[in-house]
Amino acid sequence: MTFYLMKEKDNFDQAIILSGDGDFLPVLKYLQNQGKKIIVLARGPRTAREIKQFVGSNFRDFEYLKNRLKMEKKR
């Protein structure tokens, strides 16, 4: 994923990253320094603290969204 983010960096203004792995932090910092908006969508408890701190309000928790979007079955 990091390879394609770097390879395609001139072709996007924002990226939605579907991982909370702390190993992605250096590339996310680089992209943000290049003016890219970064949004991270991951499972809250499994997301690296450094990632959450870095993206701040641009972090979206899968579990929170799952509960918000949950549809009730028709009876």
PDB file of N, CA and C in Angstrom:
ATOM      1  N   MET A   1       0.820  -1.183   0.000  1.00  0.00           N
ATOM      2  CA  MET A   1       0.000   0.000   0.000  1.00  0.00           C
ATOM      3  C   MET A   1       0.873   1.259   0.000  1.00  0.00           C
ATOM      4  N   THR A   2       1.931   1.248   0.776  1.00  0.00           N
ATOM      5  CA  THR A   2       2.768   2.449   0.821  1.00  0.00           C
ATOM      6  C   THR A   2       3.400   2.727  -0.535  1.00  0.00           C
ATOM      7  N   PHE A   3       3.771   1.686  -1.252  1.00  0.00           N
ATOM      8  CA  PHE A   3       4.351   1.867  -2.583  1.00  0.00           C
ATOM      9  C   PHE A   3       3.377   2.629  -3.480  1.00  0.00           C
ATOM     10  N   TYR A   4       2.117   2.196  -3.512  1.00  0.00           N
ATOM     11  CA  TYR A   4       1.142   2.846  -4.387  1.00  0.00           C
ATOM     12  C   TYR A   4       0.776   4.243  -3.910  1.00  0.00           C
ATOM     13  N   LEU A   5       0.751   4.449  -2.604  1.00  0.00           N
ATOM     14  CA  LEU A   5       0.509   5.800  -2.099  1.00  0.00           C
ATOM     15  C   LEU A   5       1.590   6.754  -2.593  1.00  0.00           C
ATOM     16  N   MET A   6       2.836   6.316  -2.515  1.00  0.00           N
ATOM     17  CA  MET A   6       3.938   7.172  -2.961  1.00  0.00           C
ATOM     18  C   MET A   6       3.963   7.299  -4.487  1.00  0.00           C
ATOM     19  N   LYS A   7       3.720   6.199  -5.175  1.00  0.00           N
ATOM     20  CA  LYS A   7       3.742   6.208  -6.641  1.00  0.00           C
ATOM     21  C   LYS A   7       2.654   7.122  -7.209  1.00  0.00           C
ATOM     22  N   GLU A   8       1.483   7.121  -6.589  1.00  0.00           N
ATOM     23  CA  GLU A   8       0.334   7.863  -7.107  1.00  0.00           C
ATOM     24  C   GLU A   8       0.087   9.194  -6.392  1.00  0.00           C
ATOM     25  N   LYS A   9       1.003   9.639  -5.565  1.00  0.00           N
ATOM     26  CA  LYS A   9       0.779  10.821  -4.734  1.00  0.00           C
ATOM     27  C   LYS A   9       0.424  12.081  -5.505  1.00  0.00           C
ATOM     28  N   ASP A  10       0.833  12.166  -6.751  1.00  0.00           N
ATOM     29  CA  ASP A  10       0.501  13.349  -7.552  1.00  0.00           C
ATOM     30  C   ASP A  10      -0.886  13.265  -8.172  1.00  0.00           C
ATOM     31  N   ASN A  11      -1.556  12.137  -7.980  1.00  0.00           N
ATOM     32  CA  ASN A  11      -2.865  11.924  -8.603  1.00  0.00           C
ATOM     33  C   ASN A  11      -4.037  11.991  -7.624  1.00  0.00           C
ATOM     34  N   PHE A  12      -3.784  12.405  -6.386  1.00  0.00           N
ATOM     35  CA  PHE A  12      -4.888  12.536  -5.428  1.00  0.00           C
ATOM     36  C   PHE A  12      -4.594  13.660  -4.449  1.00  0.00           C
ATOM     37  N   ASP A  13      -5.698  14.203  -3.894  1.00  0.00           N
ATOM     38  CA  ASP A  13      -5.596  15.258  -2.887  1.00  0.00           C
ATOM     39  C   ASP A  13      -5.855  14.740  -1.481  1.00  0.00           C
ATOM     40  N   GLN A  14      -6.568  13.620  -1.406  1.00  0.00           N
ATOM     41  CA  GLN A  14      -6.847  13.021  -0.099  1.00  0.00           C
ATOM     42  C   GLN A  14      -6.867  11.512  -0.236  1.00  0.00           C
ATOM     43  N   ALA A  15      -6.604  10.857   0.888  1.00  0.00           N
ATOM     44  CA  ALA A  15      -6.565   9.389   0.895  1.00  0.00           C
ATOM     45  C   ALA A  15      -7.302   8.883   2.120  1.00  0.00           C
ATOM     46  N   ILE A  16      -8.056   7.808   1.921  1.00  0.00           N
ATOM     47  CA  ILE A  16      -8.689   7.103   3.030  1.00  0.00           C
ATOM     48  C   ILE A  16      -7.894   5.825   3.232  1.00  0.00           C
ATOM     49  N   ILE A  17      -7.260   5.715   4.371  1.00  0.00           N
ATOM     50  CA  ILE A  17      -6.400   4.575   4.687  1.00  0.00           C
ATOM     51  C   ILE A  17      -7.199   3.591   5.532  1.00  0.00           C
ATOM     52  N   LEU A  18      -7.280   2.362   5.087  1.00  0.00           N
ATOM     53  CA  LEU A  18      -8.052   1.334   5.788  1.00  0.00           C
ATOM     54  C   LEU A  18      -7.131   0.460   6.627  1.00  0.00           C
ATOM     55  N   SER A  19      -6.346   1.100   7.461  1.00  0.00           N
ATOM     56  CA  SER A  19      -5.440   0.380   8.341  1.00  0.00           C
ATOM     57  C   SER A  19      -5.034   1.306   9.478  1.00  0.00           C
ATOM     58  N   GLY A  20      -4.918   0.734  10.661  1.00  0.00           N
ATOM     59  CA  GLY A  20      -4.451   1.500  11.808  1.00  0.00           C
ATOM     60  C   GLY A  20      -3.055   1.086  12.232  1.00  0.00           C
ATOM     61  N   ASP A  21      -2.347   0.405  11.348  1.00  0.00           N
ATOM     62  CA  ASP A  21      -1.004  -0.099  11.642  1.00  0.00           C
ATOM     63  C   ASP A  21      -0.024   1.072  11.751  1.00  0.00           C
ATOM     64  N   GLY A  22       0.668   1.137  12.864  1.00  0.00           N
ATOM     65  CA  GLY A  22       1.625   2.208  13.112  1.00  0.00           C
ATOM     66  C   GLY A  22       2.774   2.261  12.122  1.00  0.00           C
ATOM     67  N   ASP A  23       3.027   1.166  11.412  1.00  0.00           N
ATOM     68  CA  ASP A  23       4.099   1.162  10.418  1.00  0.00           C
ATOM     69  C   ASP A  23       3.821   2.121   9.263  1.00  0.00           C
ATOM     70  N   PHE A  24       2.564   2.528   9.091  1.00  0.00           N
ATOM     71  CA  PHE A  24       2.223   3.450   8.009  1.00  0.00           C
ATOM     72  C   PHE A  24       2.455   4.911   8.379  1.00  0.00           C
ATOM     73  N   LEU A  25       2.745   5.181   9.639  1.00  0.00           N
ATOM     74  CA  LEU A  25       2.876   6.565  10.101  1.00  0.00           C
ATOM     75  C   LEU A  25       3.873   7.401   9.292  1.00  0.00           C
ATOM     76  N   PRO A  26       5.075   6.919   8.991  1.00  0.00           N
ATOM     77  CA  PRO A  26       6.012   7.767   8.234  1.00  0.00           C
ATOM     78  C   PRO A  26       5.474   8.201   6.862  1.00  0.00           C
ATOM     79  N   VAL A  27       4.835   7.293   6.132  1.00  0.00           N
ATOM     80  CA  VAL A  27       4.313   7.676   4.821  1.00  0.00           C
ATOM     81  C   VAL A  27       3.123   8.623   4.971  1.00  0.00           C
ATOM     82  N   LEU A  28       2.312   8.431   6.005  1.00  0.00           N
ATOM     83  CA  LEU A  28       1.182   9.332   6.225  1.00  0.00           C
ATOM     84  C   LEU A  28       1.670  10.743   6.569  1.00  0.00           C
ATOM     85  N   LYS A  29       2.709  10.818   7.382  1.00  0.00           N
ATOM     86  CA  LYS A  29       3.296  12.129   7.704  1.00  0.00           C
ATOM     87  C   LYS A  29       3.842  12.799   6.449  1.00  0.00           C
ATOM     88  N   TYR A  30       4.543  12.030   5.631  1.00  0.00           N
ATOM     89  CA  TYR A  30       5.093  12.580   4.393  1.00  0.00           C
ATOM     90  C   TYR A  30       3.970  13.113   3.497  1.00  0.00           C
ATOM     91  N   LEU A  31       2.936  12.317   3.321  1.00  0.00           N
ATOM     92  CA  LEU A  31       1.840  12.737   2.448  1.00  0.00           C
ATOM     93  C   LEU A  31       1.150  13.987   2.987  1.00  0.00           C
ATOM     94  N   GLN A  32       0.953  14.050   4.288  1.00  0.00           N
ATOM     95  CA  GLN A  32       0.336  15.246   4.855  1.00  0.00           C
ATOM     96  C   GLN A  32       1.232  16.472   4.644  1.00  0.00           C
ATOM     97  N   ASN A  33       2.539  16.294   4.786  1.00  0.00           N
ATOM     98  CA  ASN A  33       3.468  17.396   4.533  1.00  0.00           C
ATOM     99  C   ASN A  33       3.453  17.838   3.076  1.00  0.00           C
ATOM    100  N   GLN A  34       2.999  16.949   2.192  1.00  0.00           N
ATOM    101  CA  GLN A  34       2.870  17.278   0.771  1.00  0.00           C
ATOM    102  C   GLN A  34       1.498  17.887   0.466  1.00  0.00           C
ATOM    103  N   GLY A  35       0.716  18.153   1.501  1.00  0.00           N
ATOM    104  CA  GLY A  35      -0.581  18.799   1.336  1.00  0.00           C
ATOM    105  C   GLY A  35      -1.753  17.859   1.134  1.00  0.00           C
ATOM    106  N   LYS A  36      -1.553  16.584   1.367  1.00  0.00           N
ATOM    107  CA  LYS A  36      -2.628  15.607   1.197  1.00  0.00           C
ATOM    108  C   LYS A  36      -3.446  15.496   2.489  1.00  0.00           C
ATOM    109  N   LYS A  37      -4.761  15.367   2.331  1.00  0.00           N
ATOM    110  CA  LYS A  37      -5.626  15.129   3.486  1.00  0.00           C
ATOM    111  C   LYS A  37      -5.668  13.628   3.723  1.00  0.00           C
ATOM    112  N   ILE A  38      -5.437  13.227   4.962  1.00  0.00           N
ATOM    113  CA  ILE A  38      -5.389  11.811   5.323  1.00  0.00           C
ATOM    114  C   ILE A  38      -6.538  11.492   6.274  1.00  0.00           C
ATOM    115  N   ILE A  39      -7.315  10.481   5.926  1.00  0.00           N
ATOM    116  CA  ILE A  39      -8.385   9.972   6.775  1.00  0.00           C
ATOM    117  C   ILE A  39      -8.075   8.498   7.028  1.00  0.00           C
ATOM    118  N   VAL A  40      -8.160   8.082   8.283  1.00  0.00           N
ATOM    119  CA  VAL A  40      -7.902   6.685   8.629  1.00  0.00           C
ATOM    120  C   VAL A  40      -9.212   6.061   9.089  1.00  0.00           C
ATOM    121  N   LEU A  41      -9.552   4.939   8.471  1.00  0.00           N
ATOM    122  CA  LEU A  41     -10.732   4.161   8.829  1.00  0.00           C
ATOM    123  C   LEU A  41     -10.241   2.795   9.296  1.00  0.00           C
ATOM    124  N   ALA A  42     -10.382   2.539  10.594  1.00  0.00           N
ATOM    125  CA  ALA A  42      -9.853   1.293  11.169  1.00  0.00           C
ATOM    126  C   ALA A  42     -10.631   0.952  12.437  1.00  0.00           C
ATOM    127  N   ARG A  43     -10.330  -0.196  12.991  1.00  0.00           N
ATOM    128  CA  ARG A  43     -10.968  -0.586  14.256  1.00  0.00           C
ATOM    129  C   ARG A  43     -10.245   0.103  15.402  1.00  0.00           C
ATOM    130  N   GLY A  44     -10.981   0.886  16.157  1.00  0.00           N
ATOM    131  CA  GLY A  44     -10.414   1.702  17.219  1.00  0.00           C
ATOM    132  C   GLY A  44      -9.455   1.010  18.158  1.00  0.00           C
ATOM    133  N   PRO A  45      -9.876  -0.093  18.807  1.00  0.00           N
ATOM    134  CA  PRO A  45      -8.990  -0.743  19.773  1.00  0.00           C
ATOM    135  C   PRO A  45      -7.721  -1.318  19.150  1.00  0.00           C
ATOM    136  N   ARG A  46      -7.741  -1.589  17.863  1.00  0.00           N
ATOM    137  CA  ARG A  46      -6.585  -2.194  17.204  1.00  0.00           C
ATOM    138  C   ARG A  46      -5.733  -1.173  16.462  1.00  0.00           C
ATOM    139  N   THR A  47      -6.106   0.092  16.528  1.00  0.00           N
ATOM    140  CA  THR A  47      -5.367   1.142  15.836  1.00  0.00           C
ATOM    141  C   THR A  47      -4.247   1.677  16.718  1.00  0.00           C
ATOM    142  N   ALA A  48      -3.075   1.842  16.127  1.00  0.00           N
ATOM    143  CA  ALA A  48      -1.924   2.361  16.877  1.00  0.00           C
ATOM    144  C   ALA A  48      -2.244   3.753  17.437  1.00  0.00           C
ATOM    145  N   ARG A  49      -1.882   3.955  18.686  1.00  0.00           N
ATOM    146  CA  ARG A  49      -2.117   5.239  19.344  1.00  0.00           C
ATOM    147  C   ARG A  49      -1.512   6.394  18.540  1.00  0.00           C
ATOM    148  N   GLU A  50      -0.330   6.164  17.960  1.00  0.00           N
ATOM    149  CA  GLU A  50       0.348   7.214  17.192  1.00  0.00           C
ATOM    150  C   GLU A  50      -0.456   7.607  15.949  1.00  0.00           C
ATOM    151  N   ILE A  51      -1.123   6.635  15.353  1.00  0.00           N
ATOM    152  CA  ILE A  51      -1.950   6.927  14.175  1.00  0.00           C
ATOM    153  C   ILE A  51      -3.139   7.784  14.586  1.00  0.00           C
ATOM    154  N   LYS A  52      -3.801   7.402  15.671  1.00  0.00           N
ATOM    155  CA  LYS A  52      -4.958   8.172  16.146  1.00  0.00           C
ATOM    156  C   LYS A  52      -4.556   9.606  16.497  1.00  0.00           C
ATOM    157  N   GLN A  53      -3.418   9.746  17.168  1.00  0.00           N
ATOM    158  CA  GLN A  53      -2.959  11.081  17.546  1.00  0.00           C
ATOM    159  C   GLN A  53      -2.610  11.902  16.304  1.00  0.00           C
ATOM    160  N   PHE A  54      -1.993  11.267  15.341  1.00  0.00           N
ATOM    161  CA  PHE A  54      -1.561  11.980  14.140  1.00  0.00           C
ATOM    162  C   PHE A  54      -2.747  12.507  13.333  1.00  0.00           C
ATOM    163  N   VAL A  55      -3.741  11.661  13.083  1.00  0.00           N
ATOM    164  CA  VAL A  55      -4.855  12.100  12.236  1.00  0.00           C
ATOM    165  C   VAL A  55      -5.943  12.826  13.016  1.00  0.00           C
ATOM    166  N   GLY A  56      -5.946  12.674  14.342  1.00  0.00           N
ATOM    167  CA  GLY A  56      -6.909  13.405  15.171  1.00  0.00           C
ATOM    168  C   GLY A  56      -8.347  13.154  14.756  1.00  0.00           C
ATOM    169  N   SER A  57      -9.048  14.220  14.414  1.00  0.00           N
ATOM    170  CA  SER A  57     -10.472  14.100  14.066  1.00  0.00           C
ATOM    171  C   SER A  57     -10.699  13.415  12.721  1.00  0.00           C
ATOM    172  N   ASN A  58      -9.640  13.116  11.997  1.00  0.00           N
ATOM    173  CA  ASN A  58      -9.773  12.389  10.729  1.00  0.00           C
ATOM    174  C   ASN A  58      -9.655  10.884  10.923  1.00  0.00           C
ATOM    175  N   PHE A  59      -9.845  10.434  12.159  1.00  0.00           N
ATOM    176  CA  PHE A  59      -9.902   8.999  12.437  1.00  0.00           C
ATOM    177  C   PHE A  59     -11.361   8.576  12.509  1.00  0.00           C
ATOM    178  N   ARG A  60     -11.701   7.489  11.823  1.00  0.00           N
ATOM    179  CA  ARG A  60     -13.052   6.926  11.854  1.00  0.00           C
ATOM    180  C   ARG A  60     -12.955   5.479  12.323  1.00  0.00           C
ATOM    181  N   ASP A  61     -13.729   5.149  13.331  1.00  0.00           N
ATOM    182  CA  ASP A  61     -13.718   3.816  13.925  1.00  0.00           C
ATOM    183  C   ASP A  61     -14.757   2.934  13.236  1.00  0.00           C
ATOM    184  N   PHE A  62     -14.313   1.797  12.675  1.00  0.00           N
ATOM    185  CA  PHE A  62     -15.221   0.851  12.036  1.00  0.00           C
ATOM    186  C   PHE A  62     -16.374   0.464  12.961  1.00  0.00           C
ATOM    187  N   GLU A  63     -16.056   0.170  14.215  1.00  0.00           N
ATOM    188  CA  GLU A  63     -17.079  -0.291  15.141  1.00  0.00           C
ATOM    189  C   GLU A  63     -18.131   0.783  15.381  1.00  0.00           C
ATOM    190  N   TYR A  64     -17.708   2.009  15.538  1.00  0.00           N
ATOM    191  CA  TYR A  64     -18.651   3.114  15.728  1.00  0.00           C
ATOM    192  C   TYR A  64     -19.534   3.258  14.493  1.00  0.00           C
ATOM    193  N   LEU A  65     -18.933   3.236  13.326  1.00  0.00           N
ATOM    194  CA  LEU A  65     -19.714   3.368  12.097  1.00  0.00           C
ATOM    195  C   LEU A  65     -20.651   2.186  11.906  1.00  0.00           C
ATOM    196  N   LYS A  66     -20.189   0.990  12.245  1.00  0.00           N
ATOM    197  CA  LYS A  66     -21.034  -0.201  12.114  1.00  0.00           C
ATOM    198  C   LYS A  66     -22.301  -0.042  12.945  1.00  0.00           C
ATOM    199  N   ASN A  67     -22.149   0.429  14.155  1.00  0.00           N
ATOM    200  CA  ASN A  67     -23.315   0.621  15.014  1.00  0.00           C
ATOM    201  C   ASN A  67     -24.214   1.750  14.534  1.00  0.00           C
ATOM    202  N   ARG A  68     -23.638   2.795  13.975  1.00  0.00           N
ATOM    203  CA  ARG A  68     -24.428   3.911  13.464  1.00  0.00           C
ATOM    204  C   ARG A  68     -25.201   3.530  12.207  1.00  0.00           C
ATOM    205  N   LEU A  69     -24.619   2.646  11.411  1.00  0.00           N
ATOM    206  CA  LEU A  69     -25.225   2.269  10.140  1.00  0.00           C
ATOM    207  C   LEU A  69     -26.061   0.995  10.221  1.00  0.00           C
ATOM    208  N   LYS A  70     -26.103   0.390  11.381  1.00  0.00           N
ATOM    209  CA  LYS A  70     -26.806  -0.873  11.540  1.00  0.00           C
ATOM    210  C   LYS A  70     -28.286  -0.713  11.178  1.00  0.00           C
ATOM    211  N   MET A  71     -28.748  -1.620  10.348  1.00  0.00           N
ATOM    212  CA  MET A  71     -30.137  -1.566   9.928  1.00  0.00           C
ATOM    213  C   MET A  71     -30.913  -2.644  10.674  1.00  0.00           C
ATOM    214  N   GLU A  72     -32.099  -2.324  11.024  1.00  0.00           N
ATOM    215  CA  GLU A  72     -32.955  -3.275  11.719  1.00  0.00           C
ATOM    216  C   GLU A  72     -33.675  -4.149  10.703  1.00  0.00           C
ATOM    217  N   LYS A  73     -33.859  -5.414  11.049  1.00  0.00           N
ATOM    218  CA  LYS A  73     -34.597  -6.332  10.182  1.00  0.00           C
ATOM    219  C   LYS A  73     -36.080  -6.003  10.207  1.00  0.00           C
ATOM    220  N   LYS A  74     -36.713  -6.143   9.045  1.00  0.00           N
ATOM    221  CA  LYS A  74     -38.160  -5.981   8.988  1.00  0.00           C
ATOM    222  C   LYS A  74     -38.826  -7.181   9.642  1.00  0.00           C
ATOM    223  N   ARG A  75     -39.906  -6.927  10.280  1.00  0.00           N
ATOM    224  CA  ARG A  75     -40.631  -8.031  10.938  1.00  0.00           C
ATOM    225  C   ARG A  75     -41.791  -8.460  10.104  1.00  0.00           C
TER     226      ARG A  75
END
